[in-house]
């Protein structure tokens, strides 16, 4: 466990190391800021404006607003909002797990009746056209495996191939 910051700063044994760290950190932060400004000024935004203008016009005030909100504290309706957010997160995780199983994990040979029971390689999935995809929740899935059975699978049957 780290000691309190004030004790590191005030302790004669650690003060010089703290000063070295702090000055190095400040210098590195300044160099990073200078480089990012340079890169943002090179990227066009709207008309003659650059991404640095966007940053100063919108992102800096927004960051200040967020900092003010954090400093003041934000009341969250935990009783009503948290359960809904948790339910949505659980459902999103289930959808992601199904997609992972469907796209990455090999289907079980006992359920696939075709000899090739491997999922299509990533490059083959990437080439598929929109007519070869289906939405599951907010996610898009390719047709069944490498079998090209052409069947759509519901959430409840993923990743099983029924051909």
C-alpha atoms as a PDB file:
ATOM      1  CA  UNK A   1       0.000   0.000   0.000  1.00  0.00           C
ATOM      2  CA  UNK A   2       1.292   3.438  -0.878  1.00  0.00           C
ATOM      3  CA  UNK A   3       1.837   6.023   1.840  1.00  0.00           C
ATOM      4  CA  UNK A   4      -0.169   9.244   1.860  1.00  0.00           C
ATOM      5  CA  UNK A   5       0.838  11.676  -0.875  1.00  0.00           C
ATOM      6  CA  UNK A   6       1.611  14.423   1.640  1.00  0.00           C
ATOM      7  CA  UNK A   7       4.051  12.158   3.488  1.00  0.00           C
ATOM      8  CA  UNK A   8       5.887  11.354   0.229  1.00  0.00           C
ATOM      9  CA  UNK A   9       6.124  15.059  -0.581  1.00  0.00           C
ATOM     10  CA  UNK A  10       7.301  16.122   2.887  1.00  0.00           C
ATOM     11  CA  UNK A  11       9.594  13.226   3.789  1.00  0.00           C
ATOM     12  CA  UNK A  12      13.248  14.308   3.318  1.00  0.00           C
ATOM     13  CA  UNK A  13      14.102  10.797   2.061  1.00  0.00           C
ATOM     14  CA  UNK A  14      11.519  10.850  -0.746  1.00  0.00           C
ATOM     15  CA  UNK A  15      11.161  14.592  -1.469  1.00  0.00           C
ATOM     16  CA  UNK A  16      13.852  14.772  -4.188  1.00  0.00           C
ATOM     17  CA  UNK A  17      12.496  11.693  -5.968  1.00  0.00           C
ATOM     18  CA  UNK A  18       9.007  13.215  -5.790  1.00  0.00           C
ATOM     19  CA  UNK A  19      10.239  16.496  -7.273  1.00  0.00           C
ATOM     20  CA  UNK A  20      12.077  14.637 -10.051  1.00  0.00           C
ATOM     21  CA  UNK A  21       8.982  12.600 -10.837  1.00  0.00           C
ATOM     22  CA  UNK A  22       6.687  15.633 -10.769  1.00  0.00           C
ATOM     23  CA  UNK A  23       8.869  17.775 -13.017  1.00  0.00           C
ATOM     24  CA  UNK A  24       9.425  14.924 -15.481  1.00  0.00           C
ATOM     25  CA  UNK A  25       5.689  14.244 -15.551  1.00  0.00           C
ATOM     26  CA  UNK A  26       4.870  17.933 -16.087  1.00  0.00           C
ATOM     27  CA  UNK A  27       7.424  18.203 -18.904  1.00  0.00           C
ATOM     28  CA  UNK A  28       6.156  15.028 -20.616  1.00  0.00           C
ATOM     29  CA  UNK A  29       2.562  16.255 -20.315  1.00  0.00           C
ATOM     30  CA  UNK A  30       3.510  19.589 -21.885  1.00  0.00           C
ATOM     31  CA  UNK A  31       5.309  17.883 -24.780  1.00  0.00           C
ATOM     32  CA  UNK A  32       2.304  15.633 -25.352  1.00  0.00           C
ATOM     33  CA  UNK A  33      -0.036  18.623 -25.328  1.00  0.00           C
ATOM     34  CA  UNK A  34       2.154  20.449 -27.865  1.00  0.00           C
ATOM     35  CA  UNK A  35       2.255  17.427 -30.176  1.00  0.00           C
ATOM     36  CA  UNK A  36      -1.492  16.857 -29.959  1.00  0.00           C
ATOM     37  CA  UNK A  37      -2.159  20.521 -30.747  1.00  0.00           C
ATOM     38  CA  UNK A  38       0.133  20.263 -33.769  1.00  0.00           C
ATOM     39  CA  UNK A  39      -1.699  17.155 -35.020  1.00  0.00           C
ATOM     40  CA  UNK A  40      -5.153  18.669 -34.410  1.00  0.00           C
ATOM     41  CA  UNK A  41      -4.207  21.845 -36.286  1.00  0.00           C
ATOM     42  CA  UNK A  42      -3.291  19.697 -39.318  1.00  0.00           C
ATOM     43  CA  UNK A  43      -6.715  18.005 -39.479  1.00  0.00           C
ATOM     44  CA  UNK A  44      -9.447  19.993 -41.245  1.00  0.00           C
ATOM     45  CA  UNK A  45     -12.831  20.279 -39.587  1.00  0.00           C
ATOM     46  CA  UNK A  46     -15.322  22.696 -41.213  1.00  0.00           C
ATOM     47  CA  UNK A  47     -14.377  25.331 -43.755  1.00  0.00           C
ATOM     48  CA  UNK A  48     -11.079  26.863 -42.696  1.00  0.00           C
ATOM     49  CA  UNK A  49     -11.396  25.542 -39.136  1.00  0.00           C
ATOM     50  CA  UNK A  50      -9.357  22.634 -37.807  1.00  0.00           C
ATOM     51  CA  UNK A  51      -9.949  19.904 -35.258  1.00  0.00           C
ATOM     52  CA  UNK A  52      -8.093  22.116 -32.759  1.00  0.00           C
ATOM     53  CA  UNK A  53     -10.916  24.652 -33.154  1.00  0.00           C
ATOM     54  CA  UNK A  54     -13.448  21.888 -32.480  1.00  0.00           C
ATOM     55  CA  UNK A  55     -11.462  20.880 -29.405  1.00  0.00           C
ATOM     56  CA  UNK A  56     -11.390  24.447 -28.029  1.00  0.00           C
ATOM     57  CA  UNK A  57     -14.976  25.276 -28.984  1.00  0.00           C
ATOM     58  CA  UNK A  58     -16.734  22.143 -27.737  1.00  0.00           C
ATOM     59  CA  UNK A  59     -14.535  19.633 -25.942  1.00  0.00           C
ATOM     60  CA  UNK A  60     -12.817  21.973 -23.473  1.00  0.00           C
ATOM     61  CA  UNK A  61     -16.089  23.529 -22.237  1.00  0.00           C
ATOM     62  CA  UNK A  62     -17.673  20.060 -22.089  1.00  0.00           C
ATOM     63  CA  UNK A  63     -14.763  18.719 -20.031  1.00  0.00           C
ATOM     64  CA  UNK A  64     -15.080  21.701 -17.691  1.00  0.00           C
ATOM     65  CA  UNK A  65     -18.817  21.028 -17.343  1.00  0.00           C
ATOM     66  CA  UNK A  66     -18.143  17.378 -16.498  1.00  0.00           C
ATOM     67  CA  UNK A  67     -15.483  18.384 -13.966  1.00  0.00           C
ATOM     68  CA  UNK A  68     -17.918  20.832 -12.341  1.00  0.00           C
ATOM     69  CA  UNK A  69     -20.608  18.140 -12.203  1.00  0.00           C
ATOM     70  CA  UNK A  70     -18.181  15.679 -10.644  1.00  0.00           C
ATOM     71  CA  UNK A  71     -16.995  18.247  -8.109  1.00  0.00           C
ATOM     72  CA  UNK A  72     -20.574  19.177  -7.137  1.00  0.00           C
ATOM     73  CA  UNK A  73     -21.758  15.586  -7.132  1.00  0.00           C
ATOM     74  CA  UNK A  74     -24.574  14.160  -9.204  1.00  0.00           C
ATOM     75  CA  UNK A  75     -27.617  12.588  -7.663  1.00  0.00           C
ATOM     76  CA  UNK A  76     -28.488   9.316  -9.368  1.00  0.00           C
ATOM     77  CA  UNK A  77     -31.860   7.662  -8.931  1.00  0.00           C
ATOM     78  CA  UNK A  78     -30.319   4.367  -7.850  1.00  0.00           C
ATOM     79  CA  UNK A  79     -33.652   2.815  -6.915  1.00  0.00           C
ATOM     80  CA  UNK A  80     -35.160   3.133 -10.393  1.00  0.00           C
ATOM     81  CA  UNK A  81     -32.268   3.682 -12.827  1.00  0.00           C
ATOM     82  CA  UNK A  82     -29.733   1.147 -11.586  1.00  0.00           C
ATOM     83  CA  UNK A  83     -31.893  -1.992 -12.014  1.00  0.00           C
ATOM     84  CA  UNK A  84     -32.774  -1.005 -15.595  1.00  0.00           C
ATOM     85  CA  UNK A  85     -29.135  -0.278 -16.430  1.00  0.00           C
ATOM     86  CA  UNK A  86     -28.071  -3.575 -14.855  1.00  0.00           C
ATOM     87  CA  UNK A  87     -30.699  -5.527 -16.817  1.00  0.00           C
ATOM     88  CA  UNK A  88     -29.561  -3.889 -20.061  1.00  0.00           C
ATOM     89  CA  UNK A  89     -25.920  -4.685 -19.260  1.00  0.00           C
ATOM     90  CA  UNK A  90     -26.760  -8.329 -18.494  1.00  0.00           C
ATOM     91  CA  UNK A  91     -28.678  -8.669 -21.779  1.00  0.00           C
ATOM     92  CA  UNK A  92     -25.855  -7.017 -23.738  1.00  0.00           C
ATOM     93  CA  UNK A  93     -23.401  -9.461 -22.184  1.00  0.00           C
ATOM     94  CA  UNK A  94     -25.598 -12.444 -23.097  1.00  0.00           C
ATOM     95  CA  UNK A  95     -25.867 -11.186 -26.685  1.00  0.00           C
ATOM     96  CA  UNK A  96     -22.099 -10.693 -26.867  1.00  0.00           C
ATOM     97  CA  UNK A  97     -21.470 -14.197 -25.494  1.00  0.00           C
ATOM     98  CA  UNK A  98     -23.809 -15.720 -28.075  1.00  0.00           C
ATOM     99  CA  UNK A  99     -22.158 -13.819 -30.876  1.00  0.00           C
ATOM    100  CA  UNK A 100     -18.744 -14.908 -29.607  1.00  0.00           C
ATOM    101  CA  UNK A 101     -19.865 -18.531 -29.509  1.00  0.00           C
ATOM    102  CA  UNK A 102     -21.488 -18.295 -32.930  1.00  0.00           C
ATOM    103  CA  UNK A 103     -18.625 -16.561 -34.697  1.00  0.00           C
ATOM    104  CA  UNK A 104     -15.513 -17.748 -32.843  1.00  0.00           C
ATOM    105  CA  UNK A 105     -16.109 -21.049 -31.088  1.00  0.00           C
ATOM    106  CA  UNK A 106     -16.468 -24.140 -33.257  1.00  0.00           C
ATOM    107  CA  UNK A 107     -19.963 -25.635 -33.361  1.00  0.00           C
ATOM    108  CA  UNK A 108     -20.197 -29.028 -31.699  1.00  0.00           C
ATOM    109  CA  UNK A 109     -19.728 -31.892 -34.217  1.00  0.00           C
ATOM    110  CA  UNK A 110     -22.594 -33.830 -32.610  1.00  0.00           C
ATOM    111  CA  UNK A 111     -25.093 -31.148 -33.619  1.00  0.00           C
ATOM    112  CA  UNK A 112     -23.767 -30.473 -37.114  1.00  0.00           C
ATOM    113  CA  UNK A 113     -24.692 -33.085 -39.687  1.00  0.00           C
ATOM    114  CA  UNK A 114     -22.309 -31.755 -42.337  1.00  0.00           C
ATOM    115  CA  UNK A 115     -18.661 -32.883 -42.272  1.00  0.00           C
ATOM    116  CA  UNK A 116     -17.178 -29.384 -42.134  1.00  0.00           C
ATOM    117  CA  UNK A 117     -18.109 -28.050 -38.745  1.00  0.00           C
ATOM    118  CA  UNK A 118     -15.899 -25.027 -38.489  1.00  0.00           C
ATOM    119  CA  UNK A 119     -17.017 -21.438 -38.671  1.00  0.00           C
ATOM    120  CA  UNK A 120     -16.164 -19.462 -41.759  1.00  0.00           C
ATOM    121  CA  UNK A 121     -12.794 -17.742 -41.448  1.00  0.00           C
ATOM    122  CA  UNK A 122     -12.799 -14.048 -40.583  1.00  0.00           C
ATOM    123  CA  UNK A 123     -11.905 -12.959 -44.123  1.00  0.00           C
ATOM    124  CA  UNK A 124     -14.859 -14.931 -45.516  1.00  0.00           C
ATOM    125  CA  UNK A 125     -17.235 -13.404 -42.970  1.00  0.00           C
ATOM    126  CA  UNK A 126     -15.950  -9.934 -43.826  1.00  0.00           C
ATOM    127  CA  UNK A 127     -16.702 -10.444 -47.549  1.00  0.00           C
ATOM    128  CA  UNK A 128     -20.347 -11.356 -47.025  1.00  0.00           C
ATOM    129  CA  UNK A 129     -22.889  -8.950 -48.391  1.00  0.00           C
ATOM    130  CA  UNK A 130     -25.776  -7.454 -46.386  1.00  0.00           C
ATOM    131  CA  UNK A 131     -28.135 -10.169 -47.674  1.00  0.00           C
ATOM    132  CA  UNK A 132     -26.002 -12.691 -45.773  1.00  0.00           C
ATOM    133  CA  UNK A 133     -26.436 -11.088 -42.376  1.00  0.00           C
ATOM    134  CA  UNK A 134     -29.074 -10.970 -39.691  1.00  0.00           C
ATOM    135  CA  UNK A 135     -29.556  -8.707 -36.706  1.00  0.00           C
ATOM    136  CA  UNK A 136     -29.540 -10.171 -33.198  1.00  0.00           C
ATOM    137  CA  UNK A 137     -30.233  -7.421 -30.723  1.00  0.00           C
ATOM    138  CA  UNK A 138     -27.935  -4.621 -31.796  1.00  0.00           C
ATOM    139  CA  UNK A 139     -25.505  -7.023 -33.458  1.00  0.00           C
ATOM    140  CA  UNK A 140     -25.203  -8.322 -37.013  1.00  0.00           C
ATOM    141  CA  UNK A 141     -24.494 -12.020 -37.552  1.00  0.00           C
ATOM    142  CA  UNK A 142     -23.552 -13.961 -40.685  1.00  0.00           C
ATOM    143  CA  UNK A 143     -25.547 -16.944 -41.882  1.00  0.00           C
ATOM    144  CA  UNK A 144     -24.841 -20.307 -40.301  1.00  0.00           C
ATOM    145  CA  UNK A 145     -21.216 -21.428 -40.088  1.00  0.00           C
ATOM    146  CA  UNK A 146     -19.317 -22.539 -43.184  1.00  0.00           C
ATOM    147  CA  UNK A 147     -22.126 -24.897 -44.158  1.00  0.00           C
ATOM    148  CA  UNK A 148     -23.888 -22.206 -46.143  1.00  0.00           C
ATOM    149  CA  UNK A 149     -27.146 -23.781 -45.027  1.00  0.00           C
ATOM    150  CA  UNK A 150     -28.725 -20.385 -45.460  1.00  0.00           C
ATOM    151  CA  UNK A 151     -30.778 -20.676 -42.309  1.00  0.00           C
ATOM    152  CA  UNK A 152     -31.165 -17.839 -39.874  1.00  0.00           C
ATOM    153  CA  UNK A 153     -30.767 -18.788 -36.253  1.00  0.00           C
ATOM    154  CA  UNK A 154     -32.734 -17.164 -33.476  1.00  0.00           C
ATOM    155  CA  UNK A 155     -31.068 -16.037 -30.258  1.00  0.00           C
ATOM    156  CA  UNK A 156     -32.251 -19.197 -28.542  1.00  0.00           C
ATOM    157  CA  UNK A 157     -30.609 -21.515 -31.086  1.00  0.00           C
ATOM    158  CA  UNK A 158     -27.240 -19.796 -31.454  1.00  0.00           C
ATOM    159  CA  UNK A 159     -24.656 -21.252 -32.086  1.00  0.00           C
ATOM    160  CA  UNK A 160     -26.208 -24.606 -33.022  1.00  0.00           C
ATOM    161  CA  UNK A 161     -26.312 -25.482 -36.730  1.00  0.00           C
ATOM    162  CA  UNK A 162     -29.387 -27.556 -37.524  1.00  0.00           C
ATOM    163  CA  UNK A 163     -28.362 -28.718 -41.008  1.00  0.00           C
END
